[in-house]
Protein backbone atom coordinates (compact mmCIF):
# COMPACT_ATOMS: atom_id res chain seq x y z
CA MET A 1 93.28 89.07 119.02
CA THR A 2 95.23 92.12 120.07
CA GLN A 3 93.64 95.47 120.76
CA ALA A 4 95.78 97.04 118.03
CA PHE A 5 94.54 94.53 115.46
CA LEU A 6 90.94 95.04 116.56
CA GLU A 7 91.23 98.83 116.25
CA GLU A 8 92.52 98.45 112.70
CA ALA A 9 90.23 95.60 111.63
CA LEU A 10 86.88 96.97 112.86
CA PRO A 11 86.82 99.99 110.51
CA ARG A 12 88.00 97.81 107.62
CA LEU A 13 85.24 95.29 108.33
CA ARG A 14 82.62 98.05 108.55
CA ARG A 15 83.76 99.46 105.19
CA SER A 16 83.80 96.06 103.50
CA LEU A 17 80.24 95.46 104.67
CA GLY A 18 79.06 98.98 103.85
CA LEU A 19 78.17 99.68 107.48
CA GLY A 20 78.49 102.95 109.35
CA GLU A 21 79.55 103.72 112.88
CA GLU A 22 76.11 102.68 114.14
CA ALA A 23 76.91 99.02 113.44
CA ASP A 24 76.91 96.65 116.41
CA ASP A 25 80.60 96.37 117.34
CA THR A 26 79.94 93.28 119.43
CA ARG A 27 78.70 91.31 116.41
CA LEU A 28 81.60 92.59 114.31
CA GLU A 29 84.12 91.65 117.00
CA ASP A 30 82.52 88.20 117.30
CA ALA A 31 82.87 87.72 113.53
CA LEU A 32 86.52 88.81 113.64
CA GLY A 33 87.22 86.46 116.56
CA ALA A 34 85.53 83.54 114.85
CA ALA A 35 87.46 84.21 111.64
CA GLU A 36 90.75 84.37 113.51
CA GLU A 37 90.00 81.11 115.37
CA GLU A 38 89.07 79.32 112.15
CA ILE A 39 92.25 80.42 110.39
CA LEU A 40 94.41 79.41 113.37
CA ARG A 41 92.73 75.98 113.49
CA TYR A 42 93.25 75.50 109.77
CA LEU A 43 96.93 76.47 110.00
CA HIS A 44 97.51 74.54 113.27
CA GLN A 45 99.08 77.68 114.76
CA ASP A 46 98.80 79.66 117.98
CA GLN A 47 99.41 83.03 116.32
CA LEU A 48 98.46 84.39 112.94
CA PRO A 49 101.33 84.69 110.50
CA PRO A 50 102.19 88.13 109.13
CA CYS A 51 100.09 89.45 106.25
CA THR A 52 96.88 87.63 107.18
CA ASP A 53 94.92 90.71 108.29
CA SER A 54 93.03 90.99 105.01
CA LEU A 55 92.11 87.31 105.14
CA VAL A 56 90.73 87.69 108.67
CA VAL A 57 88.62 90.70 107.63
CA GLU A 58 87.34 88.95 104.50
CA LEU A 59 86.38 85.78 106.38
CA ALA A 60 84.80 87.87 109.15
CA ALA A 61 82.67 89.68 106.56
CA LEU A 62 81.43 86.35 105.22
CA LYS A 63 80.65 85.12 108.72
CA TYR A 64 78.83 88.37 109.57
CA LEU A 65 76.72 88.14 106.42
CA ARG A 66 75.96 84.47 107.04
CA GLY A 67 74.71 85.44 110.51
CA GLN A 68 72.42 88.08 108.94
CA ASN A 69 70.71 85.44 106.79
CA GLN A 70 69.90 83.03 109.61
C-alpha cells in the first residue's frame, strides 16, 4: 500500500465508519492492509488494478466493524 493511497483512504474510511480524527489510525491501517491483501489474493495479482480504491475502503470498513464485534 502506497503512502499516497493511505493518505487518501484513511479519511474516506473514517467517514464511512462515522469516526472522527480521534479514531485509532493503526486499526484503520490494519483494516485497509487486510482488505488490500484479500483483494490481491482473490485477483491473483501483485498490484491492485485501477479503480479499486472504493472496494478496498468498503472491505476495510467491514473488516473494521467485524473486529469491533469480537
